[in-house]
Amino acid sequence: MIPLSWYLMFAALLFCVGLYGVLARRNAIGILMGVELMLNAVNINLLAFWSYLYAMRLNGLVFVAIVFVAAAAEAAVGLALIISAYRRRNTVIVEELSLLKG
């Protein structure tokens, strides 16, 4: 059996890679992918704690399902916004998009 600390270290590493992707990328699609990596790290933590602490209850799986649904909705809305911005400005570089500025 794999120790809980390994799952937590993997999730922390995945979260850091996602955070780096959000902070270092200029491309909106890369930023969206970084956010998805961070949400997957949260899911790994939820599943790890669920399996080690409350293996007979379904609370952990419910939270993971909620995060999956939120991640899917975020990806759909985010990609729709990126496609709309690309059609208007012909770019997905975040600094060049000023659609919300007055």
C-alpha atoms as a PDB file:
ATOM      1  CA  MET A   1       0.000   0.000   0.000  1.00  0.00           C
ATOM      2  CA  ILE A   2       1.291   3.435  -0.946  1.00  0.00           C
ATOM      3  CA  PRO A   3       1.699   5.810   2.025  1.00  0.00           C
ATOM      4  CA  LEU A   4      -0.511   8.875   2.289  1.00  0.00           C
ATOM      5  CA  SER A   5       2.497  11.200   2.219  1.00  0.00           C
ATOM      6  CA  TRP A   6       3.358  10.132  -1.324  1.00  0.00           C
ATOM      7  CA  TYR A   7      -0.083  11.110  -2.561  1.00  0.00           C
ATOM      8  CA  LEU A   8       0.188  14.443  -0.779  1.00  0.00           C
ATOM      9  CA  MET A   9       3.638  15.144  -2.218  1.00  0.00           C
ATOM     10  CA  PHE A  10       2.432  14.263  -5.717  1.00  0.00           C
ATOM     11  CA  ALA A  11      -0.613  16.514  -5.315  1.00  0.00           C
ATOM     12  CA  ALA A  12       1.579  19.357  -4.021  1.00  0.00           C
ATOM     13  CA  LEU A  13       3.925  18.953  -6.989  1.00  0.00           C
ATOM     14  CA  LEU A  14       0.987  18.907  -9.410  1.00  0.00           C
ATOM     15  CA  PHE A  15      -0.485  22.011  -7.757  1.00  0.00           C
ATOM     16  CA  CYS A  16       2.862  23.819  -8.025  1.00  0.00           C
ATOM     17  CA  VAL A  17       3.159  22.935 -11.721  1.00  0.00           C
ATOM     18  CA  GLY A  18      -0.372  24.254 -12.270  1.00  0.00           C
ATOM     19  CA  LEU A  19       0.371  27.435 -10.318  1.00  0.00           C
ATOM     20  CA  TYR A  20       3.508  27.986 -12.368  1.00  0.00           C
ATOM     21  CA  GLY A  21       1.444  27.486 -15.528  1.00  0.00           C
ATOM     22  CA  VAL A  22      -1.044  30.114 -14.388  1.00  0.00           C
ATOM     23  CA  LEU A  23       1.560  32.668 -13.347  1.00  0.00           C
ATOM     24  CA  ALA A  24       4.111  32.200 -16.133  1.00  0.00           C
ATOM     25  CA  ARG A  25       1.948  31.766 -19.235  1.00  0.00           C
ATOM     26  CA  ARG A  26       0.757  34.559 -21.462  1.00  0.00           C
ATOM     27  CA  ASN A  27      -1.546  32.330 -23.476  1.00  0.00           C
ATOM     28  CA  ALA A  28      -5.092  32.075 -22.128  1.00  0.00           C
ATOM     29  CA  ILE A  29      -5.360  28.383 -23.014  1.00  0.00           C
ATOM     30  CA  GLY A  30      -2.160  27.646 -21.068  1.00  0.00           C
ATOM     31  CA  ILE A  31      -3.564  29.497 -18.069  1.00  0.00           C
ATOM     32  CA  LEU A  32      -6.762  27.461 -18.301  1.00  0.00           C
ATOM     33  CA  MET A  33      -4.715  24.249 -18.412  1.00  0.00           C
ATOM     34  CA  GLY A  34      -2.827  25.362 -15.290  1.00  0.00           C
ATOM     35  CA  VAL A  35      -6.106  25.888 -13.449  1.00  0.00           C
ATOM     36  CA  GLU A  36      -7.211  22.401 -14.488  1.00  0.00           C
ATOM     37  CA  LEU A  37      -3.980  20.938 -13.102  1.00  0.00           C
ATOM     38  CA  MET A  38      -4.594  22.683  -9.792  1.00  0.00           C
ATOM     39  CA  LEU A  39      -8.128  21.284  -9.623  1.00  0.00           C
ATOM     40  CA  ASN A  40      -6.782  17.803 -10.329  1.00  0.00           C
ATOM     41  CA  ALA A  41      -4.328  18.220  -7.447  1.00  0.00           C
ATOM     42  CA  VAL A  42      -7.260  19.045  -5.188  1.00  0.00           C
ATOM     43  CA  ASN A  43      -9.034  15.905  -6.384  1.00  0.00           C
ATOM     44  CA  ILE A  44      -5.980  13.776  -5.614  1.00  0.00           C
ATOM     45  CA  ASN A  45      -5.901  15.191  -2.081  1.00  0.00           C
ATOM     46  CA  LEU A  46      -9.605  14.537  -1.591  1.00  0.00           C
ATOM     47  CA  LEU A  47      -9.322  10.951  -2.808  1.00  0.00           C
ATOM     48  CA  ALA A  48      -6.193  10.273  -0.769  1.00  0.00           C
ATOM     49  CA  PHE A  49      -7.730  11.490   2.462  1.00  0.00           C
ATOM     50  CA  TRP A  50     -10.992   9.729   1.699  1.00  0.00           C
ATOM     51  CA  SER A  51      -9.315   6.391   1.077  1.00  0.00           C
ATOM     52  CA  TYR A  52      -7.068   6.582   4.132  1.00  0.00           C
ATOM     53  CA  LEU A  53      -9.499   8.033   6.654  1.00  0.00           C
ATOM     54  CA  TYR A  54     -13.081   7.250   5.658  1.00  0.00           C
ATOM     55  CA  ALA A  55     -12.944   4.331   3.244  1.00  0.00           C
ATOM     56  CA  MET A  56     -16.466   3.154   4.083  1.00  0.00           C
ATOM     57  CA  ARG A  57     -18.220   6.499   3.602  1.00  0.00           C
ATOM     58  CA  LEU A  58     -19.082   8.164   0.306  1.00  0.00           C
ATOM     59  CA  ASN A  59     -18.475  11.769   1.403  1.00  0.00           C
ATOM     60  CA  GLY A  60     -15.065  11.947  -0.278  1.00  0.00           C
ATOM     61  CA  LEU A  61     -16.390  10.649  -3.562  1.00  0.00           C
ATOM     62  CA  VAL A  62     -19.204  13.186  -3.504  1.00  0.00           C
ATOM     63  CA  PHE A  63     -16.722  16.037  -3.054  1.00  0.00           C
ATOM     64  CA  VAL A  64     -14.551  14.678  -5.869  1.00  0.00           C
ATOM     65  CA  ALA A  65     -17.587  14.462  -8.159  1.00  0.00           C
ATOM     66  CA  ILE A  66     -18.494  18.065  -7.309  1.00  0.00           C
ATOM     67  CA  VAL A  67     -14.953  19.234  -8.137  1.00  0.00           C
ATOM     68  CA  PHE A  68     -15.037  17.279 -11.423  1.00  0.00           C
ATOM     69  CA  VAL A  69     -18.328  18.910 -12.396  1.00  0.00           C
ATOM     70  CA  ALA A  70     -17.010  22.354 -11.447  1.00  0.00           C
ATOM     71  CA  ALA A  71     -13.820  21.743 -13.438  1.00  0.00           C
ATOM     72  CA  ALA A  72     -15.784  20.642 -16.497  1.00  0.00           C
ATOM     73  CA  ALA A  73     -18.048  23.678 -16.273  1.00  0.00           C
ATOM     74  CA  GLU A  74     -15.055  25.970 -15.794  1.00  0.00           C
ATOM     75  CA  ALA A  75     -13.313  24.471 -18.821  1.00  0.00           C
ATOM     76  CA  ALA A  76     -16.418  24.818 -20.998  1.00  0.00           C
ATOM     77  CA  VAL A  77     -17.076  28.422 -20.011  1.00  0.00           C
ATOM     78  CA  GLY A  78     -13.391  29.315 -20.171  1.00  0.00           C
ATOM     79  CA  LEU A  79     -12.954  27.862 -23.651  1.00  0.00           C
ATOM     80  CA  ALA A  80     -16.122  29.606 -24.827  1.00  0.00           C
ATOM     81  CA  LEU A  81     -14.759  32.932 -23.561  1.00  0.00           C
ATOM     82  CA  ILE A  82     -11.373  32.298 -25.162  1.00  0.00           C
ATOM     83  CA  ILE A  83     -12.966  31.427 -28.517  1.00  0.00           C
ATOM     84  CA  SER A  84     -15.153  34.542 -28.339  1.00  0.00           C
ATOM     85  CA  ALA A  85     -12.156  36.725 -27.518  1.00  0.00           C
ATOM     86  CA  TYR A  86     -10.144  35.146 -30.328  1.00  0.00           C
ATOM     87  CA  ARG A  87     -12.910  35.859 -32.838  1.00  0.00           C
ATOM     88  CA  ARG A  88     -12.990  39.516 -31.810  1.00  0.00           C
ATOM     89  CA  ARG A  89      -9.269  40.234 -31.382  1.00  0.00           C
ATOM     90  CA  ASN A  90      -7.499  37.380 -33.274  1.00  0.00           C
ATOM     91  CA  THR A  91      -5.273  36.678 -30.262  1.00  0.00           C
ATOM     92  CA  VAL A  92      -5.321  34.628 -27.075  1.00  0.00           C
ATOM     93  CA  ILE A  93      -2.487  36.528 -25.363  1.00  0.00           C
ATOM     94  CA  VAL A  94      -3.886  37.721 -22.044  1.00  0.00           C
ATOM     95  CA  GLU A  95      -2.100  41.102 -22.020  1.00  0.00           C
ATOM     96  CA  GLU A  96      -3.591  41.998 -25.402  1.00  0.00           C
ATOM     97  CA  LEU A  97      -7.151  41.166 -24.402  1.00  0.00           C
ATOM     98  CA  SER A  98      -8.819  44.217 -22.926  1.00  0.00           C
ATOM     99  CA  LEU A  99     -12.445  43.374 -23.653  1.00  0.00           C
ATOM    100  CA  LEU A 100     -13.603  44.118 -20.114  1.00  0.00           C
ATOM    101  CA  LYS A 101     -11.764  47.428 -19.786  1.00  0.00           C
ATOM    102  CA  GLY A 102     -13.834  50.552 -20.250  1.00  0.00           C
END
